[in-house]
Amino acid sequence: MSVSKLAQRLIPPVSTKRMRASPDGFLTALRAITSAEWSRREKNTLLTLFKQMALDVPAYRNFLRSNGVRRESVRTTAELVAIPTMTKQNYLQKDKLANLFWHGSMLSPHILTSTSGSTGKPTYFGRSHEVDEHSALIHELIFRTSSLKQDKSTLVIVCFGMGVWIGGLITYQAFELMSRRGYPISILTPGINKKEILKALTDLAPQYEQLILAGYPPFLKDVIDEALASGISFNKHRVKLLFAAEAFTENFRDHLAKKVGINTILTDTINIYGSAEIGTMAFETPFSILARRLAMKNRKLFAHIFGGTTKTPTLAQYIPEFVSFEAPKGEILISGNSALPLMRYSIGDHGGIYPFRELVERYKAHGVGLMKEAQAAGIRRHVYELPFVYVFERIDLATTLYGLQIYPETIKEVLLKKHFVNSLTGKLTLITKYDANHDQYLEINLECRPKKEASKALASELLAEIIKSLREKNSEFRELSDFLGKRAEPKLVFWAYEDPLYFKPGIKQPWVVRES
C-alpha cells in the first residue's frame, strides 16, 4: 500500500474535497455559502467526526466507555452536548500516544509540535498534512483580502519561534504552499533572532516591493521599534502585519500600523487564533476587525456582544469544515480532524460563538448596520458569512489584589501613550506580593527601552496614569482604592532592556507571574 493511500485510510477525509480542490474554487465557495448553510455544515462535520473517532480512535473509544457513553446512542449534534469534554488531563495524558491517533497507528504521516505545561513536561501533538493545507488556504484568504498585490515581489519574514512550537513552522509551511501555487512569495525564517531580522530588513527587504512580518505581537513591536531606531524605513514597502498567540487592543493595532505606514488597517493587520493542538483555528477578517472597532465605541453594544467585561476579546471568523467551536457557559471547546483528532476539547480559553447572521442582527438592534458600515469602509467585497468566535485571554492571565482580578491589558493601554513609548517597551509583568506587614500589593515590573532609564518624574506620572486607568476600567479596583487609599497603589519596578528575570528575549512575554 502506498503512503498516500495509507494516509487516506488512517485519516478519514472529514472536510469536503470541493473546498480543497483549488484555491480559487475555495474562495468562490466561501462567497457563495450562507450563514445558515455554514451552521448545517458545522453540525454535519461535527457528528461525522464523532462517529469516526468513536469507531477508529482507540483512546476515544476508551474515553467514551469510561464515561458510560455508547456510540450508537449519539445520533444528533444535540446529543453530542451530553458527552464529557476532553482535556489534556482526562484524555491526552490518560492513554499512550499511539492510541490518540487514527486506528492507534503511528504510521500516518504527521508533523509533531509540543507545548510545555506548568510542570515542564511536554505534551506532543501530531497534525496531518491536511491541517497544513487548511492553514495555507486561510493564509491565502488573508493575503487576498489585504492590500497586497499578487503581481508584486513579496518577502515574508517569519518571526515566530522555529523550534518545537507550532507558530513558526506552520506559518512557513502556509506561505511555502502558497508560493508553490504561484504567489510571488519569498520566505525567510529567522525565528526570534532579532539580529538576523534587523539584518534582513536592512539588506534584503529593500529588494522587495511588499513585506509581511509574522510574529508574536510584543515581539513584532520590539522589532519595529528597533528597526526604526536603527534608521530602517518601512515607507518604500506595502507592509502587512500578521500576528498570533495573543490578544491585543485596537490602540495597539493603530500604534504599530502607524509606525510601519499602514493606512488600510482593516485589511493589513490580522491576528490568527491558533493552537499547538490543531493548528490555525480562526482568523481576524476585515469584517471582524470592523465589528470589534465599532463595538469598542459603544458600551451597550459591547456588553450585548461580549458580556459585562472591560477586557477586549479577539473577534475572529472560522471555517467549520476545518475546525468547529462550541462555548458552553463561556468555555471554548474545539473539534477538528487531524492525525491526532479532537472532539469537544477544552483548550483553556473562554469566550463565545455567533453565526454570522446572529451577530449582524445584534448590531442592528443597537442601530449599527454592519453591512452598511462594511460598504462605507470599502471592505464589502471581503465579507464572508462564516461564523464568529470571540476569545478572551486565558483566565490564568491575570493576578489578584484583595480578591479582585487585575488584567495586564489595562496597564498595556497606558504604556502606549506617547509620553511613555520613548522610554518603555510596553512589556510588563504583574506579580501579587506581600509587604513586611503581610499586606497584599500589586507589583508592576516594566522594561525600559535600550539605553533608557525611567526618571522619577516619569515614574510618578506613569503611576498616576495606571491608577487612573484601573479606576476607570475596573469598578472593583475603584471601590478598593476608595477604601484602602495609597495601600491599593501598585509598586512600579523598572528593569533594563531584556533583563533576563522577566524580559528575557523569547517566544512569549510572561505578563503574569505567580509567586510560589
Protein backbone atom coordinates (compact mmCIF):
# COMPACT_ATOMS: atom_id res chain seq x y z
CA MET A 1 0.00 0.00 0.00
CA SER A 2 1.39 3.44 -0.95
CA VAL A 3 1.98 6.08 1.71
CA SER A 4 -0.73 8.33 0.25
CA LYS A 5 -3.32 5.53 0.26
CA LEU A 6 -2.29 4.56 3.77
CA ALA A 7 -2.73 8.15 4.90
CA GLN A 8 -6.20 8.27 3.35
CA ARG A 9 -7.17 5.13 5.25
CA LEU A 10 -5.73 6.30 8.55
CA ILE A 11 -7.02 9.89 8.36
CA PRO A 12 -10.66 10.00 7.22
CA PRO A 13 -11.38 12.97 4.91
CA VAL A 14 -13.91 14.82 7.08
CA SER A 15 -13.77 18.17 5.29
CA THR A 16 -15.24 18.41 1.81
CA LYS A 17 -12.93 17.79 -1.13
CA ARG A 18 -14.63 20.54 -3.12
CA MET A 19 -13.48 23.11 -0.57
CA ARG A 20 -9.88 21.98 -1.02
CA ALA A 21 -9.94 21.25 -4.74
CA SER A 22 -8.33 24.55 -5.76
CA PRO A 23 -7.63 27.89 -4.12
CA ASP A 24 -9.94 29.78 -6.50
CA GLY A 25 -12.69 27.22 -6.00
CA PHE A 26 -12.21 27.55 -2.26
CA LEU A 27 -12.58 31.32 -2.30
CA THR A 28 -15.58 31.14 -4.64
CA ALA A 29 -17.22 28.63 -2.30
CA LEU A 30 -16.69 30.91 0.70
CA ARG A 31 -18.51 33.74 -1.04
CA ALA A 32 -21.43 31.52 -2.04
CA ILE A 33 -22.16 29.77 1.27
CA THR A 34 -24.74 31.40 3.54
CA SER A 35 -24.73 31.64 7.32
CA ALA A 36 -27.49 29.01 7.58
CA GLU A 37 -25.56 26.65 5.31
CA TRP A 38 -22.41 27.02 7.42
CA SER A 39 -24.42 26.10 10.53
CA ARG A 40 -25.75 23.00 8.79
CA ARG A 41 -22.28 22.01 7.60
CA GLU A 42 -20.79 22.52 11.05
CA LYS A 43 -23.33 20.17 12.61
CA ASN A 44 -22.78 17.53 9.93
CA THR A 45 -18.99 17.77 10.19
CA LEU A 46 -19.07 17.51 13.98
CA LEU A 47 -21.35 14.48 14.00
CA THR A 48 -19.37 12.72 11.27
CA LEU A 49 -16.12 13.31 13.12
CA PHE A 50 -17.60 11.96 16.35
CA LYS A 51 -18.80 8.76 14.69
CA GLN A 52 -15.46 8.15 13.02
CA MET A 53 -13.45 8.86 16.18
CA ALA A 54 -15.71 6.65 18.30
CA LEU A 55 -15.08 3.85 15.84
CA ASP A 56 -11.43 4.31 14.82
CA VAL A 57 -9.54 6.15 17.61
CA PRO A 58 -8.69 3.72 20.46
CA ALA A 59 -8.20 6.44 23.08
CA TYR A 60 -11.56 7.98 22.26
CA ARG A 61 -13.29 4.61 22.45
CA ASN A 62 -11.76 4.18 25.90
CA PHE A 63 -12.77 7.71 26.87
CA LEU A 64 -16.41 7.14 25.89
CA ARG A 65 -16.51 3.76 27.63
CA SER A 66 -15.08 5.15 30.87
CA ASN A 67 -17.73 7.89 30.81
CA GLY A 68 -20.57 5.50 30.12
CA VAL A 69 -21.28 6.76 26.60
CA ARG A 70 -22.41 4.36 23.86
CA ARG A 71 -21.54 5.44 20.32
CA GLU A 72 -24.86 4.16 18.98
CA SER A 73 -26.82 6.37 21.38
CA VAL A 74 -25.48 9.59 19.83
CA ARG A 75 -27.44 10.24 16.66
CA THR A 76 -27.70 14.07 16.52
CA THR A 77 -25.46 17.02 17.30
CA ALA A 78 -27.86 17.96 20.11
CA GLU A 79 -26.94 14.67 21.81
CA LEU A 80 -23.23 15.45 21.49
CA VAL A 81 -23.64 18.17 24.13
CA ALA A 82 -24.09 15.46 26.79
CA ILE A 83 -20.68 13.94 26.03
CA PRO A 84 -17.99 14.95 28.56
CA THR A 85 -15.41 17.38 27.26
CA MET A 86 -11.84 16.19 26.79
CA THR A 87 -8.81 17.91 28.32
CA LYS A 88 -5.09 17.26 28.47
CA GLN A 89 -5.57 15.66 31.87
CA ASN A 90 -8.55 13.39 31.22
CA TYR A 91 -7.73 12.43 27.63
CA LEU A 92 -4.33 13.29 26.17
CA GLN A 93 -2.38 12.19 29.24
CA LYS A 94 -4.55 9.16 30.06
CA ASP A 95 -3.52 6.93 27.16
CA LYS A 96 -0.36 6.14 25.23
CA LEU A 97 0.39 8.42 22.31
CA ALA A 98 -0.34 5.89 19.56
CA ASN A 99 -3.89 5.35 20.84
CA LEU A 100 -4.64 9.05 20.28
CA PHE A 101 -4.05 8.61 16.53
CA TRP A 102 -6.42 7.14 13.96
CA HIS A 103 -6.53 3.31 14.26
CA GLY A 104 -3.96 3.53 17.06
CA SER A 105 -1.23 3.73 14.42
CA MET A 106 1.84 5.94 14.23
CA LEU A 107 2.21 5.10 10.53
CA SER A 108 0.14 8.04 9.29
CA PRO A 109 2.31 10.94 8.03
CA HIS A 110 2.23 13.74 10.57
CA ILE A 111 4.18 16.67 11.98
CA LEU A 112 4.87 16.93 15.69
CA THR A 113 4.85 20.04 17.85
CA SER A 114 4.71 20.41 21.60
CA THR A 115 3.72 22.66 24.44
CA SER A 116 5.11 22.66 27.95
CA GLY A 117 2.79 22.96 30.93
CA SER A 118 3.47 24.26 34.40
CA THR A 119 5.29 21.03 35.26
CA GLY A 120 7.62 21.48 32.31
CA LYS A 121 6.60 18.10 30.88
CA PRO A 122 5.88 18.47 27.16
CA THR A 123 2.59 17.47 25.57
CA TYR A 124 3.08 16.37 21.97
CA PHE A 125 0.54 16.88 19.19
CA GLY A 126 0.62 15.30 15.77
CA ARG A 127 -1.07 17.09 12.89
CA SER A 128 -1.81 15.82 9.40
CA HIS A 129 -0.73 17.45 6.15
CA GLU A 130 -4.39 18.31 5.60
CA VAL A 131 -4.21 20.70 8.57
CA ASP A 132 -1.29 22.48 6.90
CA GLU A 133 -3.30 22.70 3.66
CA HIS A 134 -6.14 24.30 5.62
CA SER A 135 -3.70 26.78 7.15
CA ALA A 136 -2.33 27.65 3.70
CA LEU A 137 -5.84 28.30 2.38
CA ILE A 138 -6.58 30.56 5.33
CA HIS A 139 -3.33 32.46 4.79
CA GLU A 140 -4.23 32.78 1.13
CA LEU A 141 -7.60 34.23 2.08
CA ILE A 142 -5.80 36.68 4.39
CA PHE A 143 -3.47 37.64 1.51
CA ARG A 144 -6.35 38.04 -0.95
CA THR A 145 -8.33 40.29 1.40
CA SER A 146 -5.37 42.60 2.04
CA SER A 147 -3.94 45.49 0.04
CA LEU A 148 -1.12 43.24 -1.16
CA LYS A 149 -0.87 42.63 -4.91
CA GLN A 150 -0.47 39.21 -6.50
CA ASP A 151 1.96 40.54 -9.11
CA LYS A 152 4.40 42.23 -6.71
CA SER A 153 7.51 40.66 -5.17
CA THR A 154 6.76 39.78 -1.55
CA LEU A 155 9.13 38.97 1.30
CA VAL A 156 7.71 37.08 4.28
CA ILE A 157 9.82 37.23 7.44
CA VAL A 158 8.67 34.61 9.95
CA CYS A 159 9.42 35.95 13.42
CA PHE A 160 7.74 33.18 15.40
CA GLY A 161 9.89 30.65 17.26
CA MET A 162 11.15 27.92 14.93
CA GLY A 163 11.76 25.14 17.47
CA VAL A 164 9.28 22.50 18.62
CA TRP A 165 6.50 25.11 18.76
CA ILE A 166 3.87 25.31 16.07
CA GLY A 167 3.81 29.03 15.19
CA GLY A 168 6.96 29.36 13.12
CA LEU A 169 6.76 26.11 11.22
CA ILE A 170 3.08 26.21 10.30
CA THR A 171 3.43 29.83 9.15
CA TYR A 172 6.41 28.91 6.99
CA GLN A 173 4.53 25.94 5.52
CA ALA A 174 1.44 28.03 4.78
CA PHE A 175 3.38 30.59 2.78
CA GLU A 176 5.56 27.93 1.15
CA LEU A 177 2.45 26.13 -0.13
CA MET A 178 1.15 29.47 -1.41
CA SER A 179 4.40 30.08 -3.29
CA ARG A 180 4.01 26.68 -4.95
CA ARG A 181 0.62 27.81 -6.19
CA GLY A 182 2.19 30.75 -7.99
CA TYR A 183 2.25 33.58 -5.46
CA PRO A 184 5.38 35.79 -5.74
CA ILE A 185 6.45 34.95 -2.20
CA SER A 186 9.96 34.58 -0.80
CA ILE A 187 10.32 33.38 2.79
CA LEU A 188 12.96 33.99 5.44
CA THR A 189 12.75 32.19 8.79
CA PRO A 190 14.98 33.93 11.35
CA GLY A 191 12.57 32.99 14.13
CA ILE A 192 13.13 35.11 17.23
CA ASN A 193 16.71 36.01 16.26
CA LYS A 194 16.27 39.77 16.35
CA LYS A 195 19.76 40.44 14.98
CA GLU A 196 19.01 38.40 11.85
CA ILE A 197 15.60 40.05 11.43
CA LEU A 198 17.11 43.53 11.54
CA LYS A 199 19.85 42.47 9.15
CA ALA A 200 17.21 41.18 6.72
CA LEU A 201 15.21 44.40 6.99
CA THR A 202 18.38 46.34 6.19
CA ASP A 203 19.94 44.24 3.41
CA LEU A 204 17.20 42.03 1.98
CA ALA A 205 13.85 43.77 2.32
CA PRO A 206 14.76 46.70 0.02
CA GLN A 207 14.90 44.21 -2.87
CA TYR A 208 11.16 43.51 -2.48
CA GLU A 209 8.07 45.62 -3.09
CA GLN A 210 5.90 44.04 -0.38
CA LEU A 211 6.74 42.92 3.15
CA ILE A 212 4.90 40.60 5.53
CA LEU A 213 6.10 40.47 9.13
CA ALA A 214 4.65 37.49 11.01
CA GLY A 215 5.17 37.14 14.74
CA TYR A 216 4.05 37.36 18.33
CA PRO A 217 2.61 40.89 18.93
CA PRO A 218 5.02 42.16 21.64
CA PHE A 219 7.99 40.74 19.73
CA LEU A 220 6.95 42.42 16.46
CA LYS A 221 6.64 45.68 18.38
CA ASP A 222 10.22 45.23 19.61
CA VAL A 223 11.43 44.51 16.08
CA ILE A 224 9.66 47.55 14.63
CA ASP A 225 10.87 49.85 17.41
CA GLU A 226 14.48 48.74 16.99
CA ALA A 227 14.27 48.88 13.21
CA LEU A 228 13.05 52.48 13.28
CA ALA A 229 15.67 53.40 15.89
CA SER A 230 18.32 51.97 13.56
CA GLY A 231 17.16 54.14 10.68
CA ILE A 232 15.31 51.39 8.80
CA SER A 233 12.36 52.76 6.86
CA PHE A 234 9.18 50.86 6.01
CA ASN A 235 7.84 53.58 3.71
CA LYS A 236 9.08 52.00 0.48
CA HIS A 237 7.08 48.81 1.13
CA ARG A 238 3.47 47.83 1.16
CA VAL A 239 3.53 46.24 4.65
CA LYS A 240 1.27 43.63 6.22
CA LEU A 241 1.47 42.53 9.87
CA LEU A 242 0.40 39.02 10.78
CA PHE A 243 0.05 38.22 14.48
CA ALA A 244 -0.80 35.14 16.55
CA ALA A 245 -0.66 33.69 20.08
CA GLU A 246 -2.09 36.66 21.96
CA ALA A 247 -4.93 39.16 22.02
CA PHE A 248 -4.24 42.87 21.71
CA THR A 249 -6.25 46.07 21.73
CA GLU A 250 -7.26 48.34 18.87
CA ASN A 251 -4.92 51.02 20.26
CA PHE A 252 -2.04 48.55 19.91
CA ARG A 253 -3.11 47.81 16.33
CA ASP A 254 -3.26 51.52 15.48
CA HIS A 255 0.08 52.16 17.18
CA LEU A 256 2.01 49.57 15.13
CA ALA A 257 0.18 50.36 11.90
CA LYS A 258 1.21 54.00 12.20
CA LYS A 259 4.84 53.05 12.83
CA VAL A 260 5.13 51.00 9.62
CA GLY A 261 2.92 53.23 7.49
CA ILE A 262 -0.15 51.01 7.16
CA ASN A 263 -3.22 53.02 6.19
CA THR A 264 -5.53 50.10 5.42
CA ILE A 265 -5.75 48.84 9.00
CA LEU A 266 -8.79 46.61 8.46
CA THR A 267 -7.07 44.54 5.80
CA ASP A 268 -3.37 44.65 6.68
CA THR A 269 -3.15 43.88 10.42
CA ILE A 270 -4.51 40.39 11.03
CA ASN A 271 -4.44 38.28 14.20
CA ILE A 272 -4.71 34.49 13.98
CA TYR A 273 -6.20 32.27 16.68
CA GLY A 274 -4.20 29.05 16.57
CA SER A 275 -3.02 26.27 18.84
CA ALA A 276 -0.45 23.51 19.04
CA GLU A 277 -3.37 21.09 19.28
CA ILE A 278 -4.95 21.68 15.86
CA GLY A 279 -3.07 24.47 14.04
CA THR A 280 -4.75 27.53 12.51
CA MET A 281 -8.24 27.61 14.01
CA ALA A 282 -9.75 31.05 13.40
CA PHE A 283 -8.59 34.35 11.98
CA GLU A 284 -9.45 38.00 12.01
CA THR A 285 -11.03 39.31 8.83
CA PRO A 286 -11.52 42.92 7.73
CA PHE A 287 -15.18 42.47 8.70
CA SER A 288 -14.45 41.09 12.18
CA ILE A 289 -11.95 43.88 12.89
CA LEU A 290 -14.52 46.46 11.79
CA ALA A 291 -17.15 44.85 14.03
CA ARG A 292 -14.82 44.88 17.04
CA ARG A 293 -13.80 48.51 16.47
CA LEU A 294 -17.45 49.55 16.26
CA ALA A 295 -18.28 47.66 19.47
CA MET A 296 -15.42 49.41 21.27
CA LYS A 297 -17.13 52.76 20.57
CA ASN A 298 -20.48 51.71 22.05
CA ARG A 299 -20.54 50.36 25.62
CA LYS A 300 -24.06 48.95 25.42
CA LEU A 301 -23.31 47.22 22.13
CA PHE A 302 -20.02 45.86 23.52
CA ALA A 303 -21.82 44.45 26.58
CA HIS A 304 -24.53 42.91 24.40
CA ILE A 305 -21.95 41.18 22.19
CA PHE A 306 -19.23 40.24 24.66
CA GLY A 307 -20.90 40.38 28.08
CA GLY A 308 -20.23 42.57 31.08
CA THR A 309 -16.45 42.82 30.90
CA THR A 310 -13.87 45.52 30.26
CA LYS A 311 -11.47 43.09 28.61
CA THR A 312 -11.11 43.22 24.83
CA PRO A 313 -11.56 39.84 23.14
CA THR A 314 -10.20 38.73 19.81
CA LEU A 315 -13.11 38.50 17.37
CA ALA A 316 -12.37 36.09 14.54
CA GLN A 317 -14.14 34.00 11.92
CA TYR A 318 -13.61 30.31 11.26
CA ILE A 319 -14.26 27.66 8.66
CA PRO A 320 -16.42 24.96 10.32
CA GLU A 321 -15.25 22.21 7.99
CA PHE A 322 -11.68 22.78 9.22
CA VAL A 323 -12.26 23.39 12.94
CA SER A 324 -15.51 23.57 14.91
CA PHE A 325 -16.18 25.64 18.03
CA GLU A 326 -18.59 25.41 20.95
CA ALA A 327 -18.78 27.64 24.02
CA PRO A 328 -21.00 26.14 26.74
CA LYS A 329 -21.02 28.50 29.74
CA GLY A 330 -18.26 30.52 28.11
CA GLU A 331 -15.75 27.65 27.88
CA ILE A 332 -14.18 27.36 24.43
CA LEU A 333 -14.28 23.81 23.04
CA ILE A 334 -12.69 22.82 19.75
CA SER A 335 -13.22 19.83 17.48
CA GLY A 336 -11.17 19.02 14.43
CA ASN A 337 -9.78 16.27 12.28
CA SER A 338 -6.04 15.70 12.16
CA ALA A 339 -3.57 12.89 12.65
CA LEU A 340 -4.49 13.30 16.31
CA PRO A 341 -8.18 14.30 16.13
CA LEU A 342 -10.03 16.17 18.88
CA MET A 343 -13.69 16.18 19.87
CA ARG A 344 -15.08 18.84 22.22
CA TYR A 345 -11.62 19.58 23.60
CA SER A 346 -11.30 22.28 26.26
CA ILE A 347 -8.43 24.46 25.13
CA GLY A 348 -8.37 26.59 28.29
CA ASP A 349 -9.76 29.78 26.76
CA HIS A 350 -13.13 31.39 27.34
CA GLY A 351 -15.44 33.37 25.07
CA GLY A 352 -18.39 32.63 22.80
CA ILE A 353 -19.59 31.98 19.25
CA TYR A 354 -22.06 33.58 16.85
CA PRO A 355 -23.46 32.52 13.49
CA PHE A 356 -22.84 35.35 11.03
CA ARG A 357 -26.47 36.45 10.80
CA GLU A 358 -26.97 36.47 14.56
CA LEU A 359 -24.04 38.83 15.06
CA VAL A 360 -25.32 41.15 12.32
CA GLU A 361 -28.76 41.21 13.96
CA ARG A 362 -27.31 42.02 17.38
CA TYR A 363 -25.55 45.05 15.95
CA LYS A 364 -28.72 46.04 14.14
CA ALA A 365 -30.60 46.03 17.46
CA HIS A 366 -28.26 48.84 18.57
CA GLY A 367 -28.74 50.84 15.40
CA VAL A 368 -25.50 49.67 13.77
CA GLY A 369 -25.76 48.27 10.24
CA LEU A 370 -22.65 46.15 9.83
CA MET A 371 -23.13 45.60 6.09
CA LYS A 372 -23.64 49.32 5.54
CA GLU A 373 -20.52 50.05 7.62
CA ALA A 374 -18.55 47.49 5.59
CA GLN A 375 -19.63 49.21 2.39
CA ALA A 376 -18.56 52.59 3.75
CA ALA A 377 -15.20 51.14 4.85
CA GLY A 378 -14.59 49.70 1.38
CA ILE A 379 -14.48 46.07 2.51
CA ARG A 380 -17.90 44.85 1.37
CA ARG A 381 -16.31 42.50 -1.17
CA HIS A 382 -14.32 40.89 1.65
CA VAL A 383 -17.37 39.85 3.68
CA TYR A 384 -17.92 36.10 4.10
CA GLU A 385 -20.81 34.65 6.09
CA LEU A 386 -18.50 32.49 8.19
CA PRO A 387 -19.35 32.06 11.88
CA PHE A 388 -17.55 34.07 14.56
CA VAL A 389 -15.70 33.07 17.69
CA TYR A 390 -14.65 35.63 20.30
CA VAL A 391 -11.87 34.73 22.68
CA PHE A 392 -10.68 36.36 25.87
CA GLU A 393 -7.20 35.82 27.19
CA ARG A 394 -6.95 32.79 29.38
CA ILE A 395 -8.42 33.16 32.85
CA ASP A 396 -4.99 32.47 34.35
CA LEU A 397 -3.53 35.53 32.58
CA ALA A 398 -4.49 37.75 35.48
CA THR A 399 -3.34 38.34 39.03
CA THR A 400 -5.42 39.11 42.10
CA LEU A 401 -5.42 42.03 44.52
CA TYR A 402 -7.59 41.56 47.58
CA GLY A 403 -9.60 39.00 45.64
CA LEU A 404 -10.29 41.10 42.54
CA GLN A 405 -8.86 40.33 39.09
CA ILE A 406 -6.21 42.63 37.60
CA TYR A 407 -5.51 42.08 33.90
CA PRO A 408 -2.36 43.24 32.06
CA GLU A 409 -4.44 44.81 29.28
CA THR A 410 -5.43 47.79 31.45
CA ILE A 411 -1.78 48.68 32.04
CA LYS A 412 -0.68 47.85 28.48
CA GLU A 413 -3.01 50.54 27.18
CA VAL A 414 -1.37 53.18 29.40
CA LEU A 415 2.10 52.24 28.16
CA LEU A 416 1.09 53.01 24.58
CA LYS A 417 0.65 56.70 25.38
CA LYS A 418 3.06 58.97 23.54
CA HIS A 419 4.95 60.24 26.58
CA PHE A 420 5.80 56.69 27.74
CA VAL A 421 6.71 54.87 24.50
CA ASN A 422 10.02 56.72 24.17
CA SER A 423 11.27 55.28 27.47
CA LEU A 424 9.42 51.96 27.86
CA THR A 425 8.95 48.99 25.51
CA GLY A 426 5.37 48.30 26.61
CA LYS A 427 6.21 44.95 28.18
CA LEU A 428 5.30 44.28 31.79
CA THR A 429 4.97 41.52 34.35
CA LEU A 430 2.36 41.62 37.13
CA ILE A 431 3.01 39.95 40.49
CA THR A 432 0.89 39.94 43.64
CA LYS A 433 3.20 40.31 46.65
CA TYR A 434 3.08 40.92 50.42
CA ASP A 435 4.96 43.54 52.40
CA ALA A 436 6.55 43.23 55.87
CA ASN A 437 3.14 43.74 57.46
CA HIS A 438 1.73 40.94 55.30
CA ASP A 439 -0.41 43.43 53.41
CA GLN A 440 -1.04 42.48 49.80
CA TYR A 441 0.09 44.77 46.98
CA LEU A 442 0.49 44.71 43.20
CA GLU A 443 3.98 44.91 41.75
CA ILE A 444 4.27 46.01 38.11
CA ASN A 445 7.62 45.21 36.50
CA LEU A 446 8.36 47.31 33.43
CA GLU A 447 11.00 47.05 30.71
CA CYS A 448 12.94 50.15 29.66
CA ARG A 449 13.91 50.67 26.06
CA PRO A 450 17.59 50.17 25.08
CA LYS A 451 19.89 52.66 26.79
CA LYS A 452 16.94 54.31 28.54
CA GLU A 453 16.16 54.78 32.22
CA ALA A 454 12.93 55.81 33.92
CA SER A 455 13.22 59.13 35.71
CA LYS A 456 11.39 59.84 38.97
CA ALA A 457 9.13 62.26 37.11
CA LEU A 458 8.20 59.62 34.53
CA ALA A 459 7.61 57.00 37.26
CA SER A 460 5.32 59.37 39.14
CA GLU A 461 3.36 60.31 36.01
CA LEU A 462 3.07 56.66 34.94
CA LEU A 463 1.81 55.55 38.34
CA ALA A 464 -0.86 58.25 38.27
CA GLU A 465 -1.97 57.16 34.78
CA ILE A 466 -2.09 53.48 35.76
CA ILE A 467 -4.19 54.21 38.83
CA LYS A 468 -6.50 56.40 36.74
CA SER A 469 -6.92 53.64 34.16
CA LEU A 470 -7.56 50.96 36.79
CA ARG A 471 -10.17 53.14 38.48
CA GLU A 472 -11.92 53.89 35.19
CA LYS A 473 -11.95 50.35 33.82
CA ASN A 474 -12.19 48.21 36.95
CA SER A 475 -15.07 49.12 39.27
CA GLU A 476 -13.84 46.67 41.92
CA PHE A 477 -10.44 48.36 41.98
CA ARG A 478 -12.13 51.76 42.24
CA GLU A 479 -14.01 50.61 45.32
CA LEU A 480 -10.88 49.03 46.78
CA SER A 481 -8.90 52.21 46.11
CA ASP A 482 -11.54 54.33 47.82
CA PHE A 483 -11.34 52.05 50.86
CA LEU A 484 -7.57 51.45 51.10
CA GLY A 485 -6.22 54.67 49.67
CA LYS A 486 -2.45 54.52 48.99
CA ARG A 487 -2.30 50.88 50.10
CA ALA A 488 -4.09 49.96 46.88
CA GLU A 489 -1.49 51.72 44.72
CA PRO A 490 0.78 49.44 42.66
CA LYS A 491 4.53 49.46 43.09
CA LEU A 492 6.46 50.11 39.87
CA VAL A 493 9.80 48.39 39.28
CA PHE A 494 11.84 49.33 36.20
CA TRP A 495 14.27 46.92 34.53
CA ALA A 496 16.94 47.30 31.88
CA TYR A 497 16.10 46.21 28.34
CA GLU A 498 15.93 42.41 28.01
CA ASP A 499 16.79 41.81 31.66
CA PRO A 500 16.69 38.00 32.00
CA LEU A 501 14.45 37.90 35.08
CA TYR A 502 11.17 38.99 33.43
CA PHE A 503 12.15 40.21 29.98
CA LYS A 504 14.39 37.54 28.56
CA PRO A 505 14.16 37.52 24.76
CA GLY A 506 11.99 34.61 23.70
CA ILE A 507 8.67 33.48 22.37
CA LYS A 508 6.21 34.70 24.96
CA GLN A 509 6.26 37.52 27.46
CA PRO A 510 5.20 36.40 30.99
CA TRP A 511 2.54 39.05 31.59
CA VAL A 512 1.66 37.49 34.95
CA VAL A 513 3.93 35.62 37.37
CA ARG A 514 2.56 33.81 40.40
CA GLU A 515 4.86 33.59 43.39
CA SER A 516 5.13 30.15 44.90
